[in-house]
Amino acid sequence: MLIDIRGADEHARERIPNACNRLLGELTKLNVSAAPVIFHCRAGNRSRAGNRTALNAEKLATAAGCEAYVLDGGIKAWKRAGPPVVTDRTQPIEIMRQVQITAGSLVLLGMLLGYVAQPAFYLISLFMGGGLVFAGFTGWRGMAKLLAFMHWNRRAQA
């Protein structure tokens, strides 16, 4: 059994055939009819999670309730190795990438307009930078929540 622990939006856009999608943060006891279980993410970072490797490995093994493994390198390594991948380009890109594009664009726009038109436009960049710092400290993902309501993301939510 292959379990994709990425977000539903990432799984909808690109996935390994027959992989089940279960969010890492929401894993509980799985109903596994066949062992072993193989967990994967995009590049291996979430399943191993850097300095939290032992914690995530324990969580994944507990959820599996049987022999469990992590696909080293995630779906990126799977694609490099050559097996098939289901890709649906009609699905929107991942929410966090949308946040990065939007925040970066607003910072650049504020800087450009502040330089070319009116220094008051620098406030756009200041606001975006402050919002990103606030999100980093609190974990509140306001822009991601806002972008999730956009019409192009509605299909991924369904």
C-alpha atoms as a PDB file:
ATOM      1  CA  MET A   1       0.000   0.000   0.000  1.00  0.00           C
ATOM      2  CA  LEU A   2       1.370   3.399  -1.016  1.00  0.00           C
ATOM      3  CA  ILE A   3       0.297   6.448   1.020  1.00  0.00           C
ATOM      4  CA  ASP A   4       0.895  10.018  -0.145  1.00  0.00           C
ATOM      5  CA  ILE A   5       1.210  12.345   2.880  1.00  0.00           C
ATOM      6  CA  ARG A   6       1.183  15.584   0.854  1.00  0.00           C
ATOM      7  CA  GLY A   7      -1.716  18.021   0.777  1.00  0.00           C
ATOM      8  CA  ALA A   8      -4.831  17.188  -1.220  1.00  0.00           C
ATOM      9  CA  ASP A   9      -4.029  19.980  -3.699  1.00  0.00           C
ATOM     10  CA  GLU A  10      -0.582  18.519  -4.406  1.00  0.00           C
ATOM     11  CA  HIS A  11      -1.982  14.985  -4.720  1.00  0.00           C
ATOM     12  CA  ALA A  12      -4.724  16.146  -7.126  1.00  0.00           C
ATOM     13  CA  ARG A  13      -2.188  17.761  -9.459  1.00  0.00           C
ATOM     14  CA  GLU A  14       0.374  14.949  -9.518  1.00  0.00           C
ATOM     15  CA  ARG A  15       0.358  11.501  -7.925  1.00  0.00           C
ATOM     16  CA  ILE A  16       1.673   7.986  -8.124  1.00  0.00           C
ATOM     17  CA  PRO A  17      -1.039   5.698  -9.525  1.00  0.00           C
ATOM     18  CA  ASN A  18      -3.128   3.963  -6.833  1.00  0.00           C
ATOM     19  CA  ALA A  19      -1.542   5.958  -3.998  1.00  0.00           C
ATOM     20  CA  CYS A  20      -3.940   6.909  -1.188  1.00  0.00           C
ATOM     21  CA  ASN A  21      -3.810  10.478   0.106  1.00  0.00           C
ATOM     22  CA  ARG A  22      -3.596  10.992   3.885  1.00  0.00           C
ATOM     23  CA  LEU A  23      -2.279  14.245   5.349  1.00  0.00           C
ATOM     24  CA  LEU A  24       0.725  13.813   7.617  1.00  0.00           C
ATOM     25  CA  GLY A  25      -0.829  15.928  10.351  1.00  0.00           C
ATOM     26  CA  GLU A  26      -4.041  13.896  10.311  1.00  0.00           C
ATOM     27  CA  LEU A  27      -2.643  10.376  10.302  1.00  0.00           C
ATOM     28  CA  THR A  28      -4.261   8.073  12.777  1.00  0.00           C
ATOM     29  CA  LYS A  29      -4.547   4.309  12.790  1.00  0.00           C
ATOM     30  CA  LEU A  30      -4.887   3.145   9.186  1.00  0.00           C
ATOM     31  CA  ASN A  31      -7.049   0.254   8.097  1.00  0.00           C
ATOM     32  CA  VAL A  32      -4.347  -1.646   6.274  1.00  0.00           C
ATOM     33  CA  SER A  33      -5.315  -4.868   4.574  1.00  0.00           C
ATOM     34  CA  ALA A  34      -1.928  -5.421   2.971  1.00  0.00           C
ATOM     35  CA  ALA A  35       1.547  -4.912   4.380  1.00  0.00           C
ATOM     36  CA  PRO A  36       4.002  -3.316   3.963  1.00  0.00           C
ATOM     37  CA  VAL A  37       2.982   0.329   3.789  1.00  0.00           C
ATOM     38  CA  ILE A  38       5.143   2.832   1.914  1.00  0.00           C
ATOM     39  CA  PHE A  39       4.767   6.533   2.721  1.00  0.00           C
ATOM     40  CA  HIS A  40       5.851   9.288   0.359  1.00  0.00           C
ATOM     41  CA  CYS A  41       5.786  13.048   0.002  1.00  0.00           C
ATOM     42  CA  ARG A  42       7.200  15.355  -2.685  1.00  0.00           C
ATOM     43  CA  ALA A  43      10.939  15.085  -2.028  1.00  0.00           C
ATOM     44  CA  GLY A  44      11.251  13.128   1.210  1.00  0.00           C
ATOM     45  CA  ASN A  45      11.314  16.145   3.515  1.00  0.00           C
ATOM     46  CA  ARG A  46       7.885  15.729   5.109  1.00  0.00           C
ATOM     47  CA  SER A  47       8.150  11.994   5.575  1.00  0.00           C
ATOM     48  CA  ARG A  48      11.594  12.407   7.087  1.00  0.00           C
ATOM     49  CA  ALA A  49      11.072  16.046   8.214  1.00  0.00           C
ATOM     50  CA  GLY A  50      14.709  17.042   8.697  1.00  0.00           C
ATOM     51  CA  ASN A  51      15.564  17.104  12.377  1.00  0.00           C
ATOM     52  CA  ARG A  52      12.182  15.561  13.230  1.00  0.00           C
ATOM     53  CA  THR A  53      12.924  12.345  11.340  1.00  0.00           C
ATOM     54  CA  ALA A  54      12.571  10.092  14.364  1.00  0.00           C
ATOM     55  CA  LEU A  55       9.270  11.705  15.371  1.00  0.00           C
ATOM     56  CA  ASN A  56       7.719  11.358  11.906  1.00  0.00           C
ATOM     57  CA  ALA A  57       9.079   7.848  11.405  1.00  0.00           C
ATOM     58  CA  GLU A  58       7.511   6.801  14.706  1.00  0.00           C
ATOM     59  CA  LYS A  59       4.206   8.493  13.806  1.00  0.00           C
ATOM     60  CA  LEU A  60       4.127   6.803  10.387  1.00  0.00           C
ATOM     61  CA  ALA A  61       4.977   3.369  11.806  1.00  0.00           C
ATOM     62  CA  THR A  62       2.303   3.744  14.510  1.00  0.00           C
ATOM     63  CA  ALA A  63      -0.297   4.790  11.933  1.00  0.00           C
ATOM     64  CA  ALA A  64       0.549   1.856   9.700  1.00  0.00           C
ATOM     65  CA  GLY A  65       0.354  -0.728  12.451  1.00  0.00           C
ATOM     66  CA  CYS A  66       2.530  -2.964  10.312  1.00  0.00           C
ATOM     67  CA  GLU A  67       5.816  -2.960   8.437  1.00  0.00           C
ATOM     68  CA  ALA A  68       6.285   0.582   7.057  1.00  0.00           C
ATOM     69  CA  TYR A  69       8.804   2.333   4.837  1.00  0.00           C
ATOM     70  CA  VAL A  70       9.441   5.817   3.465  1.00  0.00           C
ATOM     71  CA  LEU A  71      10.001   6.297  -0.270  1.00  0.00           C
ATOM     72  CA  ASP A  72      13.418   7.962  -0.251  1.00  0.00           C
ATOM     73  CA  GLY A  73      13.302  11.127  -2.325  1.00  0.00           C
ATOM     74  CA  GLY A  74       9.493  11.101  -2.597  1.00  0.00           C
ATOM     75  CA  ILE A  75       7.568  11.455  -5.832  1.00  0.00           C
ATOM     76  CA  LYS A  76      10.464  13.413  -7.361  1.00  0.00           C
ATOM     77  CA  ALA A  77      12.726  10.359  -7.048  1.00  0.00           C
ATOM     78  CA  TRP A  78       9.900   8.130  -8.320  1.00  0.00           C
ATOM     79  CA  LYS A  79       9.629  10.254 -11.479  1.00  0.00           C
ATOM     80  CA  ARG A  80      13.417  10.228 -12.010  1.00  0.00           C
ATOM     81  CA  ALA A  81      13.379   6.431 -11.779  1.00  0.00           C
ATOM     82  CA  GLY A  82      10.820   6.259 -14.587  1.00  0.00           C
ATOM     83  CA  PRO A  83       7.621   4.607 -13.255  1.00  0.00           C
ATOM     84  CA  PRO A  84       4.334   6.249 -14.295  1.00  0.00           C
ATOM     85  CA  VAL A  85       2.882   9.300 -12.591  1.00  0.00           C
ATOM     86  CA  VAL A  86      -0.674  10.613 -12.990  1.00  0.00           C
ATOM     87  CA  THR A  87      -0.570  14.330 -13.799  1.00  0.00           C
ATOM     88  CA  ASP A  88      -3.618  16.598 -13.994  1.00  0.00           C
ATOM     89  CA  ARG A  89      -2.481  20.034 -15.173  1.00  0.00           C
ATOM     90  CA  THR A  90      -6.073  21.280 -14.986  1.00  0.00           C
ATOM     91  CA  GLN A  91      -5.657  21.300 -11.200  1.00  0.00           C
ATOM     92  CA  PRO A  92      -4.294  24.523  -9.695  1.00  0.00           C
ATOM     93  CA  ILE A  93      -0.736  24.677  -8.398  1.00  0.00           C
ATOM     94  CA  GLU A  94      -0.268  24.070  -4.678  1.00  0.00           C
ATOM     95  CA  ILE A  95      -1.637  26.739  -2.331  1.00  0.00           C
ATOM     96  CA  MET A  96       1.745  27.461  -0.751  1.00  0.00           C
ATOM     97  CA  ARG A  97       3.292  28.077  -4.171  1.00  0.00           C
ATOM     98  CA  GLN A  98       0.403  30.432  -4.916  1.00  0.00           C
ATOM     99  CA  VAL A  99       1.145  32.250  -1.640  1.00  0.00           C
ATOM    100  CA  GLN A 100       4.814  32.594  -2.587  1.00  0.00           C
ATOM    101  CA  ILE A 101       3.959  33.927  -6.053  1.00  0.00           C
ATOM    102  CA  THR A 102       1.370  36.381  -4.698  1.00  0.00           C
ATOM    103  CA  ALA A 103       3.499  37.653  -1.806  1.00  0.00           C
ATOM    104  CA  GLY A 104       6.603  38.001  -3.982  1.00  0.00           C
ATOM    105  CA  SER A 105       4.646  39.790  -6.707  1.00  0.00           C
ATOM    106  CA  LEU A 106       3.140  42.267  -4.231  1.00  0.00           C
ATOM    107  CA  VAL A 107       6.547  42.989  -2.682  1.00  0.00           C
ATOM    108  CA  LEU A 108       8.062  43.612  -6.127  1.00  0.00           C
ATOM    109  CA  LEU A 109       5.087  45.719  -7.207  1.00  0.00           C
ATOM    110  CA  GLY A 110       5.304  47.837  -4.054  1.00  0.00           C
ATOM    111  CA  MET A 111       9.026  48.377  -4.530  1.00  0.00           C
ATOM    112  CA  LEU A 112       8.651  49.248  -8.227  1.00  0.00           C
ATOM    113  CA  LEU A 113       5.729  51.635  -7.696  1.00  0.00           C
ATOM    114  CA  GLY A 114       7.475  53.195  -4.699  1.00  0.00           C
ATOM    115  CA  TYR A 115      10.551  53.883  -6.800  1.00  0.00           C
ATOM    116  CA  VAL A 116       8.793  54.973 -10.007  1.00  0.00           C
ATOM    117  CA  ALA A 117       5.545  56.615  -8.902  1.00  0.00           C
ATOM    118  CA  GLN A 118       5.128  57.466  -5.239  1.00  0.00           C
ATOM    119  CA  PRO A 119       7.124  56.481  -2.126  1.00  0.00           C
ATOM    120  CA  ALA A 120       3.848  55.678  -0.330  1.00  0.00           C
ATOM    121  CA  PHE A 121       3.675  52.491  -2.432  1.00  0.00           C
ATOM    122  CA  TYR A 122       6.571  51.114  -0.371  1.00  0.00           C
ATOM    123  CA  LEU A 123       3.885  50.467   2.253  1.00  0.00           C
ATOM    124  CA  ILE A 124       2.669  47.516   0.124  1.00  0.00           C
ATOM    125  CA  SER A 125       6.044  45.828   0.559  1.00  0.00           C
ATOM    126  CA  LEU A 126       6.134  46.727   4.237  1.00  0.00           C
ATOM    127  CA  PHE A 127       2.669  45.248   4.747  1.00  0.00           C
ATOM    128  CA  MET A 128       3.561  42.023   2.892  1.00  0.00           C
ATOM    129  CA  GLY A 129       6.847  41.610   4.764  1.00  0.00           C
ATOM    130  CA  GLY A 130       5.103  42.168   8.086  1.00  0.00           C
ATOM    131  CA  GLY A 131       2.395  39.682   7.136  1.00  0.00           C
ATOM    132  CA  LEU A 132       4.973  37.026   6.267  1.00  0.00           C
ATOM    133  CA  VAL A 133       6.828  37.544   9.538  1.00  0.00           C
ATOM    134  CA  PHE A 134       3.530  37.364  11.459  1.00  0.00           C
ATOM    135  CA  ALA A 135       2.603  34.149   9.630  1.00  0.00           C
ATOM    136  CA  GLY A 136       6.007  32.674  10.425  1.00  0.00           C
ATOM    137  CA  PHE A 137       5.692  33.363  14.134  1.00  0.00           C
ATOM    138  CA  THR A 138       2.039  32.419  14.559  1.00  0.00           C
ATOM    139  CA  GLY A 139       1.457  29.780  11.888  1.00  0.00           C
ATOM    140  CA  TRP A 140      -1.633  31.697  10.700  1.00  0.00           C
ATOM    141  CA  ARG A 141      -1.968  31.254   6.948  1.00  0.00           C
ATOM    142  CA  GLY A 142      -4.279  34.134   6.041  1.00  0.00           C
ATOM    143  CA  MET A 143      -3.181  34.487   2.435  1.00  0.00           C
ATOM    144  CA  ALA A 144      -3.441  30.722   1.893  1.00  0.00           C
ATOM    145  CA  LYS A 145      -6.990  30.783   3.288  1.00  0.00           C
ATOM    146  CA  LEU A 146      -7.895  33.694   1.018  1.00  0.00           C
ATOM    147  CA  LEU A 147      -6.384  32.035  -2.060  1.00  0.00           C
ATOM    148  CA  ALA A 148      -8.209  28.773  -1.274  1.00  0.00           C
ATOM    149  CA  PHE A 149     -11.511  30.604  -1.940  1.00  0.00           C
ATOM    150  CA  MET A 150     -10.443  31.761  -5.407  1.00  0.00           C
ATOM    151  CA  HIS A 151     -12.380  30.254  -8.299  1.00  0.00           C
ATOM    152  CA  TRP A 152      -9.375  28.374  -9.710  1.00  0.00           C
ATOM    153  CA  ASN A 153      -8.923  26.485  -6.411  1.00  0.00           C
ATOM    154  CA  ARG A 154     -12.532  25.364  -6.008  1.00  0.00           C
ATOM    155  CA  ARG A 155     -12.022  22.208  -8.070  1.00  0.00           C
ATOM    156  CA  ALA A 156      -9.127  21.087  -5.864  1.00  0.00           C
ATOM    157  CA  GLN A 157     -11.266  21.545  -2.742  1.00  0.00           C
ATOM    158  CA  ALA A 158     -13.999  19.316  -4.157  1.00  0.00           C
END
